[in-house]
Full PDB file with SEQRES, HELIX, SHEET, SSBOND, CRYST1, ORIGX, SCALE, CONECT and MASTER records, all heavy atoms in Angstrom:
SEQRES   1 A   32  LEU GLU LYS PHE ASP LEU VAL GLU ILE PRO ALA ILE ASN          
SEQRES   2 A   32  LEU ASP ASN LYS ILE ILE ALA GLY HIS GLN ARG VAL THR          
SEQRES   3 A   32  THR LEU MET LEU ARG GLU                                      
HELIX    1 AA1 HIS A   22  ARG A   31  1                                  10    
SHEET    1 AA1 2 ALA A  11  ILE A  12  0                                        
SHEET    2 AA1 2 ILE A  18  ALA A  20 -1                                        
CRYST1    1.000    1.000    1.000  90.00  90.00  90.00 P 1           1          
ORIGX1      1.000000  0.000000  0.000000        0.00000                         
ORIGX2      0.000000  1.000000  0.000000        0.00000                         
ORIGX3      0.000000  0.000000  1.000000        0.00000                         
SCALE1      1.000000  0.000000  0.000000        0.00000                         
SCALE2      0.000000  1.000000  0.000000        0.00000                         
SCALE3      0.000000  0.000000  1.000000        0.00000                         
ATOM      1  N   LEU A   1       0.827  -1.208   0.000  1.00  0.00           N  
ATOM      2  CA  LEU A   1       0.000   0.000   0.000  1.00  0.00           C  
ATOM      3  C   LEU A   1       0.858   1.252   0.000  1.00  0.00           C  
ATOM      4  O   LEU A   1       0.516   2.253  -0.628  1.00  0.00           O  
ATOM      5  CB  LEU A   1      -0.952   0.000   1.202  1.00  0.00           C  
ATOM      6  CG  LEU A   1      -2.106  -0.981   1.122  1.00  0.00           C  
ATOM      7  CD1 LEU A   1      -2.821  -1.079   2.468  1.00  0.00           C  
ATOM      8  CD2 LEU A   1      -3.086  -0.590   0.034  1.00  0.00           C  
ATOM      9  N   GLU A   2       1.983   1.191   0.698  1.00  0.00           N  
ATOM     10  CA  GLU A   2       2.907   2.325   0.719  1.00  0.00           C  
ATOM     11  C   GLU A   2       3.492   2.575  -0.675  1.00  0.00           C  
ATOM     12  O   GLU A   2       3.580   3.710  -1.134  1.00  0.00           O  
ATOM     13  CB  GLU A   2       4.044   2.058   1.719  1.00  0.00           C  
ATOM     14  CG  GLU A   2       5.036   3.174   1.841  1.00  0.00           C  
ATOM     15  CD  GLU A   2       4.475   4.396   2.530  1.00  0.00           C  
ATOM     16  OE1 GLU A   2       3.603   4.258   3.406  1.00  0.00           O  
ATOM     17  OE2 GLU A   2       4.915   5.511   2.175  1.00  0.00           O  
ATOM     18  N   LYS A   3       3.844   1.509  -1.355  1.00  0.00           N  
ATOM     19  CA  LYS A   3       4.488   1.617  -2.662  1.00  0.00           C  
ATOM     20  C   LYS A   3       3.504   1.926  -3.797  1.00  0.00           C  
ATOM     21  O   LYS A   3       3.755   2.774  -4.644  1.00  0.00           O  
ATOM     22  CB  LYS A   3       5.222   0.313  -2.977  1.00  0.00           C  
ATOM     23  CG  LYS A   3       6.003   0.336  -4.260  1.00  0.00           C  
ATOM     24  CD  LYS A   3       6.798  -0.940  -4.433  1.00  0.00           C  
ATOM     25  CE  LYS A   3       7.619  -0.897  -5.705  1.00  0.00           C  
ATOM     26  NZ  LYS A   3       8.429  -2.109  -5.873  1.00  0.00           N  
ATOM     27  N   PHE A   4       2.350   1.230  -3.808  1.00  0.00           N  
ATOM     28  CA  PHE A   4       1.434   1.325  -4.938  1.00  0.00           C  
ATOM     29  C   PHE A   4       0.123   2.052  -4.631  1.00  0.00           C  
ATOM     30  O   PHE A   4      -0.677   2.271  -5.527  1.00  0.00           O  
ATOM     31  CB  PHE A   4       1.086  -0.077  -5.460  1.00  0.00           C  
ATOM     32  CG  PHE A   4       2.269  -0.861  -5.899  1.00  0.00           C  
ATOM     33  CD1 PHE A   4       2.701  -1.959  -5.171  1.00  0.00           C  
ATOM     34  CD2 PHE A   4       2.973  -0.504  -7.036  1.00  0.00           C  
ATOM     35  CE1 PHE A   4       3.796  -2.701  -5.585  1.00  0.00           C  
ATOM     36  CE2 PHE A   4       4.068  -1.232  -7.452  1.00  0.00           C  
ATOM     37  CZ  PHE A   4       4.481  -2.338  -6.724  1.00  0.00           C  
ATOM     38  N   ASP A   5      -0.122   2.374  -3.359  1.00  0.00           N  
ATOM     39  CA  ASP A   5      -1.394   2.918  -2.909  1.00  0.00           C  
ATOM     40  C   ASP A   5      -2.489   1.877  -3.153  1.00  0.00           C  
ATOM     41  O   ASP A   5      -2.205   0.700  -3.240  1.00  0.00           O  
ATOM     42  CB  ASP A   5      -1.696   4.247  -3.597  1.00  0.00           C  
ATOM     43  CG  ASP A   5      -2.664   5.116  -2.799  1.00  0.00           C  
ATOM     44  OD1 ASP A   5      -2.911   4.812  -1.617  1.00  0.00           O  
ATOM     45  OD2 ASP A   5      -3.174   6.092  -3.350  1.00  0.00           O  
ATOM     46  N   LEU A   6      -3.715   2.278  -3.276  1.00  0.00           N  
ATOM     47  CA  LEU A   6      -4.806   1.326  -3.496  1.00  0.00           C  
ATOM     48  C   LEU A   6      -4.953   1.042  -4.991  1.00  0.00           C  
ATOM     49  O   LEU A   6      -5.445   1.880  -5.741  1.00  0.00           O  
ATOM     50  CB  LEU A   6      -6.128   1.895  -2.968  1.00  0.00           C  
ATOM     51  CG  LEU A   6      -6.404   1.727  -1.496  1.00  0.00           C  
ATOM     52  CD1 LEU A   6      -7.671   2.466  -1.111  1.00  0.00           C  
ATOM     53  CD2 LEU A   6      -6.507   0.285  -1.105  1.00  0.00           C  
ATOM     54  N   VAL A   7      -4.524  -0.122  -5.405  1.00  0.00           N  
ATOM     55  CA  VAL A   7      -4.669  -0.522  -6.805  1.00  0.00           C  
ATOM     56  C   VAL A   7      -6.114  -0.943  -7.049  1.00  0.00           C  
ATOM     57  O   VAL A   7      -6.699  -0.668  -8.086  1.00  0.00           O  
ATOM     58  CB  VAL A   7      -3.697  -1.667  -7.148  1.00  0.00           C  
ATOM     59  CG1 VAL A   7      -3.930  -2.176  -8.556  1.00  0.00           C  
ATOM     60  CG2 VAL A   7      -2.263  -1.198  -6.976  1.00  0.00           C  
ATOM     61  N   GLU A   8      -6.688  -1.613  -6.070  1.00  0.00           N  
ATOM     62  CA  GLU A   8      -8.086  -2.039  -6.137  1.00  0.00           C  
ATOM     63  C   GLU A   8      -8.793  -1.497  -4.899  1.00  0.00           C  
ATOM     64  O   GLU A   8      -8.416  -1.808  -3.775  1.00  0.00           O  
ATOM     65  CB  GLU A   8      -8.177  -3.566  -6.173  1.00  0.00           C  
ATOM     66  CG  GLU A   8      -9.573  -4.078  -6.324  1.00  0.00           C  
ATOM     67  CD  GLU A   8      -9.624  -5.597  -6.416  1.00  0.00           C  
ATOM     68  OE1 GLU A   8      -8.573  -6.232  -6.566  1.00  0.00           O  
ATOM     69  OE2 GLU A   8     -10.728  -6.125  -6.314  1.00  0.00           O  
ATOM     70  N   ILE A   9      -9.784  -0.658  -5.115  1.00  0.00           N  
ATOM     71  CA  ILE A   9     -10.464  -0.042  -3.976  1.00  0.00           C  
ATOM     72  C   ILE A   9     -11.409  -1.042  -3.309  1.00  0.00           C  
ATOM     73  O   ILE A   9     -11.935  -1.943  -3.956  1.00  0.00           O  
ATOM     74  CB  ILE A   9     -11.233   1.231  -4.396  1.00  0.00           C  
ATOM     75  CG1 ILE A   9     -12.293   0.923  -5.458  1.00  0.00           C  
ATOM     76  CG2 ILE A   9     -10.268   2.299  -4.880  1.00  0.00           C  
ATOM     77  CD1 ILE A   9     -13.169   2.093  -5.796  1.00  0.00           C  
ATOM     78  N   PRO A  10     -11.620  -0.899  -2.005  1.00  0.00           N  
ATOM     79  CA  PRO A  10     -12.560  -1.780  -1.308  1.00  0.00           C  
ATOM     80  C   PRO A  10     -13.986  -1.587  -1.843  1.00  0.00           C  
ATOM     81  O   PRO A  10     -14.364  -0.493  -2.269  1.00  0.00           O  
ATOM     82  CB  PRO A  10     -12.474  -1.316   0.149  1.00  0.00           C  
ATOM     83  CG  PRO A  10     -11.141  -0.651   0.249  1.00  0.00           C  
ATOM     84  CD  PRO A  10     -10.911  -0.014  -1.077  1.00  0.00           C  
ATOM     85  N   ALA A  11     -14.756  -2.651  -1.813  1.00  0.00           N  
ATOM     86  CA  ALA A  11     -16.165  -2.594  -2.216  1.00  0.00           C  
ATOM     87  C   ALA A  11     -17.024  -2.542  -0.959  1.00  0.00           C  
ATOM     88  O   ALA A  11     -16.783  -3.276  -0.002  1.00  0.00           O  
ATOM     89  CB  ALA A  11     -16.528  -3.816  -3.050  1.00  0.00           C  
ATOM     90  N   ILE A  12     -17.999  -1.657  -0.960  1.00  0.00           N  
ATOM     91  CA  ILE A  12     -18.918  -1.527   0.176  1.00  0.00           C  
ATOM     92  C   ILE A  12     -20.349  -1.512  -0.331  1.00  0.00           C  
ATOM     93  O   ILE A  12     -20.607  -1.268  -1.505  1.00  0.00           O  
ATOM     94  CB  ILE A  12     -18.645  -0.243   0.996  1.00  0.00           C  
ATOM     95  CG1 ILE A  12     -18.844   0.997   0.126  1.00  0.00           C  
ATOM     96  CG2 ILE A  12     -17.238  -0.269   1.585  1.00  0.00           C  
ATOM     97  CD1 ILE A  12     -18.784   2.304   0.899  1.00  0.00           C  
ATOM     98  N   ASN A  13     -21.295  -1.795   0.574  1.00  0.00           N  
ATOM     99  CA  ASN A  13     -22.697  -1.696   0.189  1.00  0.00           C  
ATOM    100  C   ASN A  13     -23.223  -0.307   0.544  1.00  0.00           C  
ATOM    101  O   ASN A  13     -22.470   0.567   0.963  1.00  0.00           O  
ATOM    102  CB  ASN A  13     -23.521  -2.824   0.822  1.00  0.00           C  
ATOM    103  CG  ASN A  13     -23.623  -2.717   2.325  1.00  0.00           C  
ATOM    104  OD1 ASN A  13     -23.268  -1.706   2.922  1.00  0.00           O  
ATOM    105  ND2 ASN A  13     -24.112  -3.765   2.961  1.00  0.00           N  
ATOM    106  N   LEU A  14     -24.496  -0.095   0.378  1.00  0.00           N  
ATOM    107  CA  LEU A  14     -25.073   1.229   0.607  1.00  0.00           C  
ATOM    108  C   LEU A  14     -25.035   1.665   2.067  1.00  0.00           C  
ATOM    109  O   LEU A  14     -25.171   2.845   2.376  1.00  0.00           O  
ATOM    110  CB  LEU A  14     -26.514   1.267   0.090  1.00  0.00           C  
ATOM    111  CG  LEU A  14     -26.662   1.065  -1.417  1.00  0.00           C  
ATOM    112  CD1 LEU A  14     -28.130   0.974  -1.798  1.00  0.00           C  
ATOM    113  CD2 LEU A  14     -25.966   2.168  -2.186  1.00  0.00           C  
ATOM    114  N   ASP A  15     -24.838   0.711   2.978  1.00  0.00           N  
ATOM    115  CA  ASP A  15     -24.777   1.015   4.412  1.00  0.00           C  
ATOM    116  C   ASP A  15     -23.346   1.165   4.923  1.00  0.00           C  
ATOM    117  O   ASP A  15     -23.113   1.113   6.126  1.00  0.00           O  
ATOM    118  CB  ASP A  15     -25.470  -0.082   5.218  1.00  0.00           C  
ATOM    119  CG  ASP A  15     -26.946  -0.175   4.897  1.00  0.00           C  
ATOM    120  OD1 ASP A  15     -27.554   0.858   4.572  1.00  0.00           O  
ATOM    121  OD2 ASP A  15     -27.502  -1.287   4.977  1.00  0.00           O  
ATOM    122  N   ASN A  16     -22.367   1.303   4.013  1.00  0.00           N  
ATOM    123  CA  ASN A  16     -20.942   1.420   4.347  1.00  0.00           C  
ATOM    124  C   ASN A  16     -20.334   0.129   4.869  1.00  0.00           C  
ATOM    125  O   ASN A  16     -19.230   0.134   5.405  1.00  0.00           O  
ATOM    126  CB  ASN A  16     -20.666   2.547   5.348  1.00  0.00           C  
ATOM    127  CG  ASN A  16     -20.625   3.897   4.693  1.00  0.00           C  
ATOM    128  OD1 ASN A  16     -20.623   4.020   3.482  1.00  0.00           O  
ATOM    129  ND2 ASN A  16     -20.601   4.934   5.498  1.00  0.00           N  
ATOM    130  N   LYS A  17     -21.038  -1.006   4.749  1.00  0.00           N  
ATOM    131  CA  LYS A  17     -20.490  -2.283   5.183  1.00  0.00           C  
ATOM    132  C   LYS A  17     -19.532  -2.797   4.115  1.00  0.00           C  
ATOM    133  O   LYS A  17     -19.855  -2.815   2.936  1.00  0.00           O  
ATOM    134  CB  LYS A  17     -21.580  -3.310   5.449  1.00  0.00           C  
ATOM    135  CG  LYS A  17     -21.024  -4.577   6.102  1.00  0.00           C  
ATOM    136  CD  LYS A  17     -22.102  -5.436   6.665  1.00  0.00           C  
ATOM    137  CE  LYS A  17     -22.512  -4.853   7.996  1.00  0.00           C  
ATOM    138  NZ  LYS A  17     -23.356  -5.701   8.792  1.00  0.00           N  
ATOM    139  N   ILE A  18     -18.351  -3.226   4.540  1.00  0.00           N  
ATOM    140  CA  ILE A  18     -17.327  -3.701   3.617  1.00  0.00           C  
ATOM    141  C   ILE A  18     -17.723  -5.059   3.054  1.00  0.00           C  
ATOM    142  O   ILE A  18     -18.033  -5.990   3.796  1.00  0.00           O  
ATOM    143  CB  ILE A  18     -15.962  -3.800   4.321  1.00  0.00           C  
ATOM    144  CG1 ILE A  18     -15.568  -2.452   4.904  1.00  0.00           C  
ATOM    145  CG2 ILE A  18     -14.893  -4.323   3.364  1.00  0.00           C  
ATOM    146  CD1 ILE A  18     -14.404  -2.512   5.870  1.00  0.00           C  
ATOM    147  N   ILE A  19     -17.686  -5.167   1.734  1.00  0.00           N  
ATOM    148  CA  ILE A  19     -17.970  -6.427   1.051  1.00  0.00           C  
ATOM    149  C   ILE A  19     -16.650  -7.089   0.639  1.00  0.00           C  
ATOM    150  O   ILE A  19     -16.503  -8.298   0.733  1.00  0.00           O  
ATOM    151  CB  ILE A  19     -18.849  -6.179  -0.195  1.00  0.00           C  
ATOM    152  CG1 ILE A  19     -20.177  -5.581   0.237  1.00  0.00           C  
ATOM    153  CG2 ILE A  19     -19.039  -7.455  -1.001  1.00  0.00           C  
ATOM    154  CD1 ILE A  19     -21.012  -5.065  -0.907  1.00  0.00           C  
ATOM    155  N   ALA A  20     -15.702  -6.306   0.192  1.00  0.00           N  
ATOM    156  CA  ALA A  20     -14.382  -6.813  -0.213  1.00  0.00           C  
ATOM    157  C   ALA A  20     -13.337  -5.755   0.129  1.00  0.00           C  
ATOM    158  O   ALA A  20     -13.571  -4.569  -0.062  1.00  0.00           O  
ATOM    159  CB  ALA A  20     -14.366  -7.093  -1.711  1.00  0.00           C  
ATOM    160  N   GLY A  21     -12.201  -6.209   0.652  1.00  0.00           N  
ATOM    161  CA  GLY A  21     -11.115  -5.291   0.970  1.00  0.00           C  
ATOM    162  C   GLY A  21     -10.909  -5.074   2.458  1.00  0.00           C  
ATOM    163  O   GLY A  21     -10.308  -4.082   2.864  1.00  0.00           O  
ATOM    164  N   HIS A  22     -11.385  -6.010   3.275  1.00  0.00           N  
ATOM    165  CA  HIS A  22     -11.262  -5.863   4.724  1.00  0.00           C  
ATOM    166  C   HIS A  22      -9.823  -5.628   5.177  1.00  0.00           C  
ATOM    167  O   HIS A  22      -9.564  -4.777   6.030  1.00  0.00           O  
ATOM    168  CB  HIS A  22     -11.784  -7.119   5.439  1.00  0.00           C  
ATOM    169  CG  HIS A  22     -13.261  -7.248   5.405  1.00  0.00           C  
ATOM    170  ND1 HIS A  22     -13.934  -7.733   4.319  1.00  0.00           N  
ATOM    171  CD2 HIS A  22     -14.199  -6.955   6.326  1.00  0.00           C  
ATOM    172  CE1 HIS A  22     -15.220  -7.733   4.571  1.00  0.00           C  
ATOM    173  NE2 HIS A  22     -15.415  -7.262   5.784  1.00  0.00           N  
ATOM    174  N   GLN A  23      -8.889  -6.393   4.630  1.00  0.00           N  
ATOM    175  CA  GLN A  23      -7.501  -6.292   5.087  1.00  0.00           C  
ATOM    176  C   GLN A  23      -6.884  -4.963   4.678  1.00  0.00           C  
ATOM    177  O   GLN A  23      -6.126  -4.356   5.447  1.00  0.00           O  
ATOM    178  CB  GLN A  23      -6.676  -7.467   4.564  1.00  0.00           C  
ATOM    179  CG  GLN A  23      -7.257  -8.829   4.901  1.00  0.00           C  
ATOM    180  CD  GLN A  23      -7.691  -8.983   6.351  1.00  0.00           C  
ATOM    181  OE1 GLN A  23      -7.033  -8.496   7.265  1.00  0.00           O  
ATOM    182  NE2 GLN A  23      -8.802  -9.658   6.572  1.00  0.00           N  
ATOM    183  N   ARG A  24      -7.230  -4.473   3.487  1.00  0.00           N  
ATOM    184  CA  ARG A  24      -6.728  -3.158   3.051  1.00  0.00           C  
ATOM    185  C   ARG A  24      -7.270  -2.070   3.966  1.00  0.00           C  
ATOM    186  O   ARG A  24      -6.542  -1.173   4.392  1.00  0.00           O  
ATOM    187  CB  ARG A  24      -7.128  -2.894   1.604  1.00  0.00           C  
ATOM    188  CG  ARG A  24      -6.293  -3.703   0.614  1.00  0.00           C  
ATOM    189  CD  ARG A  24      -6.863  -3.603  -0.768  1.00  0.00           C  
ATOM    190  NE  ARG A  24      -7.921  -4.617  -0.843  1.00  0.00           N  
ATOM    191  CZ  ARG A  24      -8.887  -4.636  -1.739  1.00  0.00           C  
ATOM    192  NH1 ARG A  24      -8.956  -3.707  -2.659  1.00  0.00           N  
ATOM    193  NH2 ARG A  24      -9.788  -5.580  -1.737  1.00  0.00           N  
ATOM    194  N   VAL A  25      -8.544  -2.147   4.281  1.00  0.00           N  
ATOM    195  CA  VAL A  25      -9.165  -1.139   5.161  1.00  0.00           C  
ATOM    196  C   VAL A  25      -8.538  -1.188   6.549  1.00  0.00           C  
ATOM    197  O   VAL A  25      -8.217  -0.147   7.132  1.00  0.00           O  
ATOM    198  CB  VAL A  25     -10.696  -1.334   5.230  1.00  0.00           C  
ATOM    199  CG1 VAL A  25     -11.306  -0.471   6.318  1.00  0.00           C  
ATOM    200  CG2 VAL A  25     -11.333  -1.038   3.878  1.00  0.00           C  
ATOM    201  N   THR A  26      -8.345  -2.388   7.085  1.00  0.00           N  
ATOM    202  CA  THR A  26      -7.732  -2.531   8.406  1.00  0.00           C  
ATOM    203  C   THR A  26      -6.340  -1.913   8.422  1.00  0.00           C  
ATOM    204  O   THR A  26      -5.975  -1.178   9.342  1.00  0.00           O  
ATOM    205  CB  THR A  26      -7.657  -4.012   8.809  1.00  0.00           C  
ATOM    206  OG1 THR A  26      -8.988  -4.537   8.857  1.00  0.00           O  
ATOM    207  CG2 THR A  26      -6.983  -4.195  10.154  1.00  0.00           C  
ATOM    208  N   THR A  27      -5.551  -2.182   7.387  1.00  0.00           N  
ATOM    209  CA  THR A  27      -4.205  -1.633   7.293  1.00  0.00           C  
ATOM    210  C   THR A  27      -4.237  -0.116   7.202  1.00  0.00           C  
ATOM    211  O   THR A  27      -3.453   0.574   7.865  1.00  0.00           O  
ATOM    212  CB  THR A  27      -3.469  -2.237   6.079  1.00  0.00           C  
ATOM    213  OG1 THR A  27      -3.430  -3.659   6.239  1.00  0.00           O  
ATOM    214  CG2 THR A  27      -2.060  -1.691   5.965  1.00  0.00           C  
ATOM    215  N   LEU A  28      -5.154   0.420   6.419  1.00  0.00           N  
ATOM    216  CA  LEU A  28      -5.269   1.874   6.301  1.00  0.00           C  
ATOM    217  C   LEU A  28      -5.700   2.502   7.624  1.00  0.00           C  
ATOM    218  O   LEU A  28      -5.233   3.577   7.987  1.00  0.00           O  
ATOM    219  CB  LEU A  28      -6.257   2.239   5.196  1.00  0.00           C  
ATOM    220  CG  LEU A  28      -5.786   1.918   3.770  1.00  0.00           C  
ATOM    221  CD1 LEU A  28      -6.940   2.102   2.782  1.00  0.00           C  
ATOM    222  CD2 LEU A  28      -4.606   2.785   3.388  1.00  0.00           C  
ATOM    223  N   MET A  29      -6.587   1.839   8.355  1.00  0.00           N  
ATOM    224  CA  MET A  29      -7.035   2.354   9.649  1.00  0.00           C  
ATOM    225  C   MET A  29      -5.881   2.411  10.651  1.00  0.00           C  
ATOM    226  O   MET A  29      -5.773   3.344  11.441  1.00  0.00           O  
ATOM    227  CB  MET A  29      -8.182   1.519  10.199  1.00  0.00           C  
ATOM    228  CG  MET A  29      -9.463   1.694   9.423  1.00  0.00           C  
ATOM    229  SD  MET A  29     -10.716   0.529   9.912  1.00  0.00           S  
ATOM    230  CE  MET A  29     -11.625   1.497  11.093  1.00  0.00           C  
ATOM    231  N   LEU A  30      -4.997   1.413  10.617  1.00  0.00           N  
ATOM    232  CA  LEU A  30      -3.846   1.402  11.514  1.00  0.00           C  
ATOM    233  C   LEU A  30      -2.910   2.560  11.214  1.00  0.00           C  
ATOM    234  O   LEU A  30      -2.257   3.085  12.112  1.00  0.00           O  
ATOM    235  CB  LEU A  30      -3.111   0.071  11.401  1.00  0.00           C  
ATOM    236  CG  LEU A  30      -3.838  -1.121  11.980  1.00  0.00           C  
ATOM    237  CD1 LEU A  30      -3.102  -2.410  11.649  1.00  0.00           C  
ATOM    238  CD2 LEU A  30      -4.030  -0.984  13.485  1.00  0.00           C  
ATOM    239  N   ARG A  31      -2.838   2.960   9.955  1.00  0.00           N  
ATOM    240  CA  ARG A  31      -1.985   4.083   9.571  1.00  0.00           C  
ATOM    241  C   ARG A  31      -2.516   5.407  10.092  1.00  0.00           C  
ATOM    242  O   ARG A  31      -1.754   6.325  10.333  1.00  0.00           O  
ATOM    243  CB  ARG A  31      -1.884   4.181   8.058  1.00  0.00           C  
ATOM    244  CG  ARG A  31      -1.023   3.152   7.444  1.00  0.00           C  
ATOM    245  CD  ARG A  31      -1.010   3.382   5.972  1.00  0.00           C  
ATOM    246  NE  ARG A  31      -0.037   2.526   5.360  1.00  0.00           N  
ATOM    247  CZ  ARG A  31       0.292   2.610   4.103  1.00  0.00           C  
ATOM    248  NH1 ARG A  31      -0.264   3.510   3.332  1.00  0.00           N  
ATOM    249  NH2 ARG A  31       1.181   1.806   3.596  1.00  0.00           N  
ATOM    250  N   GLU A  32      -3.827   5.527  10.243  1.00  0.00           N  
ATOM    251  CA  GLU A  32      -4.440   6.793  10.669  1.00  0.00           C  
ATOM    252  C   GLU A  32      -4.209   7.093  12.135  1.00  0.00           C  
ATOM    253  O   GLU A  32      -4.425   8.179  12.588  1.00  0.00           O  
ATOM    254  CB  GLU A  32      -5.941   6.773  10.376  1.00  0.00           C  
ATOM    255  CG  GLU A  32      -6.261   6.936   8.914  1.00  0.00           C  
ATOM    256  CD  GLU A  32      -7.745   7.139   8.665  1.00  0.00           C  
ATOM    257  OE1 GLU A  32      -8.549   6.988   9.613  1.00  0.00           O  
ATOM    258  OE2 GLU A  32      -8.111   7.421   7.540  1.00  0.00           O  
TER     259      GLU A  32                                                      
MASTER        0    0    0    1    2    0    0    6  258    1    0    3          
END                                                                             
């Protein structure tokens, strides 16, 4: 993620629930 940023963005539903990309989101949250 540091080198390439988000190549594939996480998929969410209309309620902001993550459908795909949980690990990317978790990693980004740790950075914040």
